[in-house]
């Protein structure tokens, strides 16, 4: 499937022909440029990867909430240490995933 990018706002449209107007900013059809197959493939792969990052962040948020409960329960020092370590680790990984998504957006790998 072809991909078209609005030169005004960056909206990426999937279809054989561009829409009559941009669904995002309302610019006319003439403002769309057809992306090369290489750029279209990068966007497809990035959509997949970014979706995985979003799912990962969501799961990490759940792990962080579990860790908070364990820290609050504070059964013993070793348990608390495990939950604190889990919270620290998930926060790091989640932030790295957010940064990677931001990098993809900055490189035009989101659409």
N, C-alpha and C. Protein backbone atom coordinates (compact mmCIF):
# COMPACT_ATOMS: atom_id res chain seq x y z
N UNK A 1 0.84 -1.18 0.00
CA UNK A 1 0.00 0.00 0.00
C UNK A 1 0.88 1.24 0.00
N UNK A 2 0.48 2.23 -0.75
CA UNK A 2 1.22 3.48 -0.85
C UNK A 2 1.07 4.30 0.43
N UNK A 3 2.05 5.14 0.67
CA UNK A 3 1.99 6.08 1.78
C UNK A 3 2.22 7.48 1.22
N UNK A 4 1.42 8.40 1.74
CA UNK A 4 1.48 9.79 1.33
C UNK A 4 1.68 10.64 2.57
N UNK A 5 2.55 11.65 2.47
CA UNK A 5 2.83 12.50 3.63
C UNK A 5 2.44 13.95 3.31
N UNK A 6 1.67 14.53 4.22
CA UNK A 6 1.28 15.93 4.09
C UNK A 6 2.52 16.79 4.36
N UNK A 7 2.84 17.65 3.41
CA UNK A 7 4.03 18.50 3.56
C UNK A 7 3.80 19.65 4.54
N UNK A 8 2.55 19.85 4.94
CA UNK A 8 2.24 20.93 5.87
C UNK A 8 2.39 20.46 7.32
N UNK A 9 1.75 19.33 7.65
CA UNK A 9 1.72 18.90 9.06
C UNK A 9 2.43 17.57 9.32
N UNK A 10 2.80 16.83 8.26
CA UNK A 10 3.50 15.56 8.45
C UNK A 10 2.61 14.35 8.58
N UNK A 11 1.30 14.52 8.48
CA UNK A 11 0.36 13.39 8.57
C UNK A 11 0.67 12.38 7.47
N UNK A 12 0.71 11.09 7.81
CA UNK A 12 0.96 10.04 6.84
C UNK A 12 -0.35 9.31 6.56
N UNK A 13 -0.71 9.25 5.28
CA UNK A 13 -1.94 8.61 4.84
C UNK A 13 -1.58 7.33 4.09
N UNK A 14 -2.28 6.25 4.40
CA UNK A 14 -2.09 4.97 3.70
C UNK A 14 -3.20 4.82 2.68
N UNK A 15 -2.86 4.66 1.41
CA UNK A 15 -3.85 4.47 0.36
C UNK A 15 -3.22 4.60 -1.01
N UNK A 16 -3.96 4.19 -2.00
CA UNK A 16 -3.43 4.23 -3.37
C UNK A 16 -3.32 5.66 -3.89
N UNK A 17 -4.21 6.54 -3.43
CA UNK A 17 -4.15 7.96 -3.81
C UNK A 17 -4.32 8.78 -2.54
N UNK A 18 -3.78 9.98 -2.51
CA UNK A 18 -3.93 10.81 -1.31
C UNK A 18 -5.39 11.27 -1.16
N UNK A 19 -5.78 11.63 0.06
CA UNK A 19 -7.14 12.11 0.27
C UNK A 19 -7.30 13.50 -0.36
N UNK A 20 -8.55 13.91 -0.56
CA UNK A 20 -8.83 15.23 -1.14
C UNK A 20 -8.31 16.35 -0.25
N UNK A 21 -8.34 16.10 1.06
CA UNK A 21 -7.76 17.07 2.00
C UNK A 21 -7.16 16.29 3.17
N UNK A 22 -6.19 16.88 3.81
CA UNK A 22 -5.51 16.23 4.93
C UNK A 22 -6.50 16.09 6.10
N UNK A 23 -6.65 14.86 6.61
CA UNK A 23 -7.55 14.65 7.75
C UNK A 23 -7.10 15.39 9.01
N UNK A 24 -5.83 15.75 9.06
CA UNK A 24 -5.30 16.41 10.25
C UNK A 24 -5.38 17.93 10.17
N UNK A 25 -4.87 18.50 9.08
CA UNK A 25 -4.79 19.97 9.00
C UNK A 25 -5.69 20.58 7.94
N UNK A 26 -6.30 19.75 7.10
CA UNK A 26 -7.21 20.27 6.09
C UNK A 26 -6.55 20.76 4.81
N UNK A 27 -5.24 20.60 4.69
CA UNK A 27 -4.55 21.04 3.47
C UNK A 27 -5.05 20.24 2.26
N UNK A 28 -5.01 20.87 1.07
CA UNK A 28 -5.50 20.18 -0.13
C UNK A 28 -4.60 19.01 -0.55
N UNK A 29 -5.18 18.16 -1.38
CA UNK A 29 -4.52 16.96 -1.91
C UNK A 29 -3.12 17.25 -2.46
N UNK A 30 -2.96 18.40 -3.07
CA UNK A 30 -1.69 18.76 -3.71
C UNK A 30 -0.53 18.88 -2.72
N UNK A 31 -0.84 19.01 -1.45
CA UNK A 31 0.20 19.14 -0.42
C UNK A 31 0.76 17.78 0.00
N UNK A 32 0.19 16.68 -0.51
CA UNK A 32 0.69 15.35 -0.18
C UNK A 32 1.78 14.94 -1.15
N UNK A 33 2.82 14.32 -0.60
CA UNK A 33 3.87 13.77 -1.45
C UNK A 33 3.91 12.26 -1.24
N UNK A 34 4.10 11.54 -2.32
CA UNK A 34 4.18 10.08 -2.25
C UNK A 34 5.54 9.70 -1.68
N UNK A 35 5.53 8.85 -0.66
CA UNK A 35 6.78 8.41 -0.06
C UNK A 35 7.40 7.29 -0.88
N UNK A 36 8.71 7.25 -0.88
CA UNK A 36 9.40 6.15 -1.56
C UNK A 36 9.11 4.85 -0.82
N UNK A 37 9.33 3.75 -1.51
CA UNK A 37 9.11 2.44 -0.89
C UNK A 37 9.99 2.29 0.35
N UNK A 38 11.21 2.79 0.28
CA UNK A 38 12.13 2.70 1.42
C UNK A 38 11.59 3.47 2.63
N UNK A 39 11.13 4.68 2.41
CA UNK A 39 10.57 5.48 3.52
C UNK A 39 9.29 4.86 4.05
N UNK A 40 8.48 4.31 3.16
CA UNK A 40 7.23 3.66 3.58
C UNK A 40 7.54 2.45 4.46
N UNK A 41 8.56 1.68 4.10
CA UNK A 41 8.94 0.51 4.88
C UNK A 41 9.46 0.92 6.26
N UNK A 42 10.22 1.99 6.32
CA UNK A 42 10.72 2.48 7.61
C UNK A 42 9.55 2.87 8.50
N UNK A 43 8.55 3.53 7.94
CA UNK A 43 7.38 3.92 8.73
C UNK A 43 6.64 2.69 9.21
N UNK A 44 6.45 1.69 8.35
CA UNK A 44 5.77 0.46 8.77
C UNK A 44 6.51 -0.23 9.90
N UNK A 45 7.81 -0.38 9.74
CA UNK A 45 8.61 -1.02 10.79
C UNK A 45 8.59 -0.21 12.07
N UNK A 46 8.64 1.10 11.95
CA UNK A 46 8.61 1.96 13.13
C UNK A 46 7.26 1.91 13.82
N UNK A 47 6.18 1.84 13.06
CA UNK A 47 4.86 1.71 13.68
C UNK A 47 4.83 0.45 14.53
N UNK A 48 5.36 -0.63 13.99
CA UNK A 48 5.39 -1.89 14.74
C UNK A 48 6.25 -1.77 16.00
N UNK A 49 7.47 -1.25 15.83
CA UNK A 49 8.38 -1.11 16.96
C UNK A 49 7.83 -0.16 18.01
N UNK A 50 7.26 0.96 17.58
CA UNK A 50 6.71 1.92 18.53
C UNK A 50 5.53 1.34 19.28
N UNK A 51 4.72 0.53 18.60
CA UNK A 51 3.61 -0.15 19.28
C UNK A 51 4.15 -1.09 20.35
N UNK A 52 5.23 -1.79 20.05
CA UNK A 52 5.86 -2.66 21.05
C UNK A 52 6.37 -1.85 22.24
N UNK A 53 6.97 -0.71 21.97
CA UNK A 53 7.44 0.15 23.06
C UNK A 53 6.28 0.59 23.94
N UNK A 54 5.16 0.97 23.33
CA UNK A 54 4.00 1.42 24.09
C UNK A 54 3.46 0.28 24.96
N UNK A 55 3.40 -0.92 24.40
CA UNK A 55 2.95 -2.08 25.18
C UNK A 55 3.91 -2.35 26.33
N UNK A 56 5.21 -2.25 26.05
CA UNK A 56 6.21 -2.47 27.10
C UNK A 56 6.05 -1.46 28.22
N UNK A 57 5.88 -0.19 27.86
CA UNK A 57 5.70 0.85 28.88
C UNK A 57 4.46 0.56 29.72
N UNK A 58 3.41 0.12 29.08
CA UNK A 58 2.18 -0.20 29.80
C UNK A 58 2.41 -1.33 30.80
N UNK A 59 3.09 -2.38 30.37
CA UNK A 59 3.38 -3.49 31.27
C UNK A 59 4.32 -3.07 32.39
N UNK A 60 5.29 -2.25 32.07
CA UNK A 60 6.22 -1.77 33.09
C UNK A 60 5.50 -0.92 34.13
N UNK A 61 4.49 -0.18 33.72
CA UNK A 61 3.69 0.60 34.66
C UNK A 61 3.00 -0.32 35.66
N UNK A 62 2.49 -1.45 35.17
CA UNK A 62 1.87 -2.43 36.06
C UNK A 62 2.89 -3.00 37.04
N UNK A 63 4.09 -3.31 36.55
CA UNK A 63 5.15 -3.84 37.42
C UNK A 63 5.52 -2.79 38.47
N UNK A 64 5.59 -1.54 38.08
CA UNK A 64 5.90 -0.47 39.02
C UNK A 64 4.85 -0.37 40.13
N UNK A 65 3.59 -0.53 39.75
CA UNK A 65 2.52 -0.49 40.75
C UNK A 65 2.62 -1.67 41.72
N UNK A 66 2.96 -2.83 41.20
CA UNK A 66 3.16 -4.02 42.06
C UNK A 66 4.33 -3.76 43.01
N UNK A 67 5.42 -3.20 42.46
CA UNK A 67 6.59 -2.89 43.29
C UNK A 67 6.21 -1.91 44.40
N UNK A 68 5.41 -0.91 44.08
CA UNK A 68 4.96 0.06 45.10
C UNK A 68 4.21 -0.64 46.22
N UNK A 69 3.36 -1.59 45.85
CA UNK A 69 2.61 -2.34 46.87
C UNK A 69 3.56 -3.14 47.76
N UNK A 70 4.58 -3.75 47.14
CA UNK A 70 5.56 -4.52 47.91
C UNK A 70 6.37 -3.64 48.83
N UNK A 71 6.73 -2.45 48.35
CA UNK A 71 7.48 -1.50 49.18
C UNK A 71 6.62 -1.06 50.36
N UNK A 72 5.36 -0.78 50.08
CA UNK A 72 4.45 -0.35 51.14
C UNK A 72 4.22 -1.46 52.16
N UNK A 73 4.09 -2.70 51.69
CA UNK A 73 3.89 -3.83 52.59
C UNK A 73 5.09 -4.00 53.52
N UNK A 74 6.31 -3.86 52.97
CA UNK A 74 7.54 -3.84 53.76
C UNK A 74 7.65 -5.02 54.73
N UNK A 75 7.41 -6.23 54.21
CA UNK A 75 7.45 -7.42 55.06
C UNK A 75 8.79 -7.56 55.77
N UNK A 76 9.85 -7.44 55.00
CA UNK A 76 11.18 -7.49 55.60
C UNK A 76 12.15 -6.76 54.67
N UNK A 77 13.36 -6.45 55.16
CA UNK A 77 14.30 -5.67 54.36
C UNK A 77 14.62 -6.29 52.99
N UNK A 78 14.75 -7.59 52.93
CA UNK A 78 15.10 -8.23 51.65
C UNK A 78 13.95 -8.10 50.64
N UNK A 79 12.72 -8.31 51.08
CA UNK A 79 11.57 -8.13 50.18
C UNK A 79 11.52 -6.69 49.67
N UNK A 80 11.65 -5.75 50.59
CA UNK A 80 11.60 -4.34 50.21
C UNK A 80 12.70 -4.02 49.19
N UNK A 81 13.88 -4.57 49.40
CA UNK A 81 15.01 -4.34 48.48
C UNK A 81 14.67 -4.86 47.07
N UNK A 82 14.05 -6.03 46.98
CA UNK A 82 13.68 -6.59 45.68
C UNK A 82 12.67 -5.67 44.99
N UNK A 83 11.66 -5.23 45.72
CA UNK A 83 10.65 -4.36 45.12
C UNK A 83 11.23 -3.00 44.73
N UNK A 84 12.13 -2.47 45.54
CA UNK A 84 12.78 -1.20 45.19
C UNK A 84 13.63 -1.35 43.94
N UNK A 85 14.33 -2.47 43.84
CA UNK A 85 15.15 -2.73 42.66
C UNK A 85 14.26 -2.87 41.42
N UNK A 86 13.14 -3.57 41.57
CA UNK A 86 12.22 -3.72 40.45
C UNK A 86 11.72 -2.35 39.99
N UNK A 87 11.34 -1.52 40.94
CA UNK A 87 10.82 -0.19 40.60
C UNK A 87 11.89 0.64 39.88
N UNK A 88 13.10 0.60 40.38
CA UNK A 88 14.19 1.35 39.76
C UNK A 88 14.44 0.86 38.34
N UNK A 89 14.46 -0.44 38.16
CA UNK A 89 14.74 -1.03 36.84
C UNK A 89 13.63 -0.71 35.84
N UNK A 90 12.36 -0.87 36.26
CA UNK A 90 11.28 -0.60 35.32
C UNK A 90 11.22 0.89 34.96
N UNK A 91 11.53 1.76 35.90
CA UNK A 91 11.55 3.19 35.59
C UNK A 91 12.61 3.50 34.54
N UNK A 92 13.78 2.87 34.66
CA UNK A 92 14.85 3.08 33.70
C UNK A 92 14.45 2.58 32.31
N UNK A 93 13.94 1.36 32.24
CA UNK A 93 13.57 0.78 30.94
C UNK A 93 12.41 1.56 30.30
N UNK A 94 11.43 1.94 31.10
CA UNK A 94 10.30 2.71 30.56
C UNK A 94 10.78 4.05 30.00
N UNK A 95 11.67 4.71 30.71
CA UNK A 95 12.17 6.00 30.22
C UNK A 95 12.99 5.81 28.95
N UNK A 96 13.75 4.73 28.87
CA UNK A 96 14.52 4.46 27.64
C UNK A 96 13.57 4.22 26.47
N UNK A 97 12.47 3.51 26.70
CA UNK A 97 11.50 3.28 25.63
C UNK A 97 10.86 4.60 25.19
N UNK A 98 10.52 5.45 26.15
CA UNK A 98 9.94 6.76 25.80
C UNK A 98 10.94 7.58 24.96
N UNK A 99 12.20 7.52 25.34
CA UNK A 99 13.24 8.25 24.62
C UNK A 99 13.39 7.71 23.21
N UNK A 100 13.29 6.40 23.05
CA UNK A 100 13.40 5.79 21.73
C UNK A 100 12.24 6.21 20.83
N UNK A 101 11.03 6.24 21.39
CA UNK A 101 9.88 6.70 20.61
C UNK A 101 10.10 8.15 20.19
N UNK A 102 10.57 8.98 21.12
CA UNK A 102 10.84 10.38 20.81
C UNK A 102 11.87 10.49 19.68
N UNK A 103 12.88 9.65 19.73
CA UNK A 103 13.90 9.63 18.68
C UNK A 103 13.28 9.26 17.33
N UNK A 104 12.41 8.25 17.34
CA UNK A 104 11.74 7.84 16.10
C UNK A 104 10.93 8.99 15.52
N UNK A 105 10.20 9.70 16.37
CA UNK A 105 9.39 10.82 15.90
C UNK A 105 10.29 11.89 15.29
N UNK A 106 11.39 12.19 15.96
CA UNK A 106 12.32 13.20 15.46
C UNK A 106 12.97 12.84 14.14
N UNK A 107 13.07 11.55 13.87
CA UNK A 107 13.68 11.07 12.62
C UNK A 107 12.65 10.78 11.54
N UNK A 108 11.40 11.11 11.81
CA UNK A 108 10.35 10.86 10.83
C UNK A 108 9.97 9.39 10.72
N UNK A 109 10.26 8.62 11.76
CA UNK A 109 9.94 7.20 11.75
C UNK A 109 8.62 6.91 12.46
N UNK A 110 7.72 7.82 12.35
CA UNK A 110 6.42 7.63 12.97
C UNK A 110 5.41 8.18 11.98
N UNK A 111 4.37 7.47 11.76
CA UNK A 111 3.40 8.00 10.81
C UNK A 111 2.14 7.20 10.79
